[in-house]
């Protein structure tokens, strides 16, 4: 029988801490930007020269 995957070599990663990246004020979410393709709930990553969605790959160059 053939083994699928490599379960013994998993690495531990730090949690994303999404709760630090937004605030809820008056029942609305306050955050920089959401992805225009994916909609609310998917944040855009803010880099030095671009803004990127990690889910769909949407990119805006600053």
N, C-alpha and C. Protein backbone atom coordinates (compact mmCIF):
# COMPACT_ATOMS: atom_id res chain seq x y z
N UNK A 1 0.84 -1.17 0.00
CA UNK A 1 0.00 0.00 0.00
C UNK A 1 0.89 1.24 0.00
N UNK A 2 0.53 2.22 -0.81
CA UNK A 2 1.32 3.43 -0.96
C UNK A 2 0.86 4.50 0.02
N UNK A 3 1.81 5.17 0.66
CA UNK A 3 1.48 6.25 1.58
C UNK A 3 1.22 7.54 0.80
N UNK A 4 0.18 8.25 1.18
CA UNK A 4 -0.13 9.52 0.54
C UNK A 4 0.12 10.62 1.56
N UNK A 5 0.85 11.65 1.17
CA UNK A 5 1.13 12.76 2.07
C UNK A 5 2.35 12.48 2.93
N UNK A 6 2.67 13.43 3.75
CA UNK A 6 3.84 13.33 4.59
C UNK A 6 3.47 13.90 5.96
N UNK A 7 2.68 13.19 6.72
CA UNK A 7 2.13 13.70 7.97
C UNK A 7 3.19 13.93 9.05
N UNK A 8 4.30 13.28 8.96
CA UNK A 8 5.32 13.40 9.98
C UNK A 8 6.14 14.67 9.90
N UNK A 9 6.07 15.41 8.79
CA UNK A 9 6.91 16.59 8.61
C UNK A 9 6.13 17.89 8.64
N UNK A 10 5.09 17.98 9.47
CA UNK A 10 4.31 19.21 9.56
C UNK A 10 5.04 20.23 10.41
N UNK A 11 4.91 21.49 10.03
CA UNK A 11 5.55 22.57 10.79
C UNK A 11 4.48 23.36 11.52
N UNK A 12 4.80 23.82 12.72
CA UNK A 12 3.88 24.66 13.46
C UNK A 12 4.01 26.09 12.97
N UNK A 13 2.86 26.76 12.73
CA UNK A 13 2.85 28.14 12.27
C UNK A 13 2.14 28.99 13.31
N UNK A 14 2.55 30.25 13.41
CA UNK A 14 1.91 31.17 14.33
C UNK A 14 0.52 31.53 13.79
N UNK A 15 -0.47 31.76 14.66
CA UNK A 15 -1.79 32.15 14.19
C UNK A 15 -1.76 33.53 13.53
N UNK A 16 -2.73 33.82 12.67
CA UNK A 16 -2.72 35.05 11.88
C UNK A 16 -3.07 36.30 12.68
N UNK A 17 -3.73 36.15 13.83
CA UNK A 17 -4.14 37.27 14.67
C UNK A 17 -5.02 38.25 13.90
N UNK A 18 -6.03 37.73 13.18
CA UNK A 18 -6.93 38.58 12.41
C UNK A 18 -7.66 39.58 13.28
N UNK A 19 -7.89 39.22 14.55
CA UNK A 19 -8.61 40.11 15.45
C UNK A 19 -7.87 41.41 15.70
N UNK A 20 -6.57 41.48 15.44
CA UNK A 20 -5.79 42.70 15.62
C UNK A 20 -5.86 43.61 14.39
N UNK A 21 -6.39 43.12 13.28
CA UNK A 21 -6.36 43.86 12.02
C UNK A 21 -7.64 44.61 11.73
N UNK A 22 -8.63 44.56 12.62
CA UNK A 22 -9.87 45.30 12.42
C UNK A 22 -10.48 45.68 13.76
N UNK A 23 -11.41 46.62 13.73
CA UNK A 23 -12.15 47.05 14.92
C UNK A 23 -13.61 47.09 14.57
N UNK A 24 -14.48 46.82 15.55
CA UNK A 24 -15.93 46.90 15.35
C UNK A 24 -16.43 48.13 16.09
N UNK A 25 -16.97 49.08 15.32
CA UNK A 25 -17.49 50.31 15.90
C UNK A 25 -18.92 50.52 15.42
N UNK A 26 -19.86 50.57 16.34
CA UNK A 26 -21.26 50.81 15.98
C UNK A 26 -21.86 49.73 15.10
N UNK A 27 -21.42 48.50 15.27
CA UNK A 27 -21.96 47.39 14.49
C UNK A 27 -21.35 47.25 13.11
N UNK A 28 -20.34 48.06 12.78
CA UNK A 28 -19.68 47.96 11.47
C UNK A 28 -18.20 47.66 11.66
N UNK A 29 -17.63 46.99 10.69
CA UNK A 29 -16.21 46.63 10.74
C UNK A 29 -15.38 47.78 10.18
N UNK A 30 -14.38 48.23 10.95
CA UNK A 30 -13.47 49.28 10.50
C UNK A 30 -12.14 48.63 10.16
N UNK A 31 -11.78 48.69 8.91
CA UNK A 31 -10.53 48.09 8.44
C UNK A 31 -10.13 48.79 7.17
N UNK A 32 -8.88 48.72 6.80
CA UNK A 32 -8.39 49.38 5.59
C UNK A 32 -9.15 49.01 4.34
N UNK A 33 -9.01 47.78 3.85
CA UNK A 33 -9.64 47.40 2.60
C UNK A 33 -10.04 45.93 2.61
N UNK A 34 -11.14 45.65 1.93
CA UNK A 34 -11.55 44.29 1.65
C UNK A 34 -11.31 44.01 0.17
N UNK A 35 -11.24 42.76 -0.20
CA UNK A 35 -11.05 42.38 -1.60
C UNK A 35 -12.33 42.68 -2.39
N UNK A 36 -12.23 43.38 -3.54
CA UNK A 36 -13.42 43.66 -4.34
C UNK A 36 -14.00 42.42 -5.01
N UNK A 37 -13.19 41.41 -5.26
CA UNK A 37 -13.67 40.16 -5.88
C UNK A 37 -14.33 39.25 -4.85
N UNK A 38 -13.64 39.03 -3.72
CA UNK A 38 -14.10 38.07 -2.71
C UNK A 38 -15.19 38.65 -1.81
N UNK A 39 -15.18 39.96 -1.61
CA UNK A 39 -16.22 40.60 -0.81
C UNK A 39 -15.79 40.80 0.63
N UNK A 40 -16.73 41.26 1.47
CA UNK A 40 -16.42 41.54 2.87
C UNK A 40 -15.96 40.29 3.61
N UNK A 41 -14.98 40.47 4.47
CA UNK A 41 -14.46 39.36 5.26
C UNK A 41 -13.12 38.86 4.79
N UNK A 42 -12.71 39.24 3.57
CA UNK A 42 -11.40 38.84 3.04
C UNK A 42 -10.56 40.11 2.93
N UNK A 43 -9.54 40.21 3.77
CA UNK A 43 -8.71 41.40 3.82
C UNK A 43 -7.66 41.40 2.72
N UNK A 44 -7.26 42.60 2.29
CA UNK A 44 -6.15 42.75 1.36
C UNK A 44 -4.87 42.95 2.15
N UNK A 45 -3.82 42.25 1.76
CA UNK A 45 -2.52 42.40 2.39
C UNK A 45 -1.85 43.66 1.91
N UNK A 46 -1.34 44.46 2.82
CA UNK A 46 -0.75 45.75 2.48
C UNK A 46 0.77 45.60 2.42
N UNK A 47 1.32 45.66 1.22
CA UNK A 47 2.76 45.58 1.02
C UNK A 47 3.30 46.96 0.66
N UNK A 48 4.61 47.07 0.52
CA UNK A 48 5.24 48.36 0.25
C UNK A 48 4.79 48.96 -1.07
N UNK A 49 4.71 48.13 -2.13
CA UNK A 49 4.41 48.65 -3.46
C UNK A 49 3.10 48.12 -4.05
N UNK A 50 2.34 47.32 -3.30
CA UNK A 50 1.12 46.73 -3.83
C UNK A 50 0.18 46.32 -2.70
N UNK A 51 -1.08 46.05 -3.09
CA UNK A 51 -2.10 45.53 -2.18
C UNK A 51 -2.58 44.22 -2.79
N UNK A 52 -2.56 43.12 -2.01
CA UNK A 52 -2.80 41.78 -2.56
C UNK A 52 -3.84 41.03 -1.74
N UNK A 53 -4.71 40.28 -2.44
CA UNK A 53 -5.64 39.36 -1.79
C UNK A 53 -4.96 37.99 -1.75
N UNK A 54 -4.91 37.38 -0.57
CA UNK A 54 -4.28 36.07 -0.43
C UNK A 54 -5.17 34.93 -0.88
N UNK A 55 -6.46 35.18 -1.05
CA UNK A 55 -7.38 34.12 -1.42
C UNK A 55 -7.48 33.96 -2.93
N UNK A 56 -7.73 35.06 -3.65
CA UNK A 56 -7.96 34.95 -5.11
C UNK A 56 -6.78 35.46 -5.94
N UNK A 57 -5.83 36.19 -5.32
CA UNK A 57 -4.67 36.67 -6.06
C UNK A 57 -4.85 38.04 -6.67
N UNK A 58 -5.90 38.76 -6.31
CA UNK A 58 -6.14 40.12 -6.82
C UNK A 58 -5.00 41.02 -6.38
N UNK A 59 -4.48 41.86 -7.32
CA UNK A 59 -3.35 42.75 -7.02
C UNK A 59 -3.66 44.15 -7.51
N UNK A 60 -3.34 45.14 -6.69
CA UNK A 60 -3.37 46.55 -7.09
C UNK A 60 -2.00 47.12 -6.80
N UNK A 61 -1.39 47.74 -7.80
CA UNK A 61 -0.08 48.37 -7.62
C UNK A 61 -0.30 49.80 -7.15
N UNK A 62 0.44 50.18 -6.10
CA UNK A 62 0.28 51.53 -5.54
C UNK A 62 0.95 52.56 -6.42
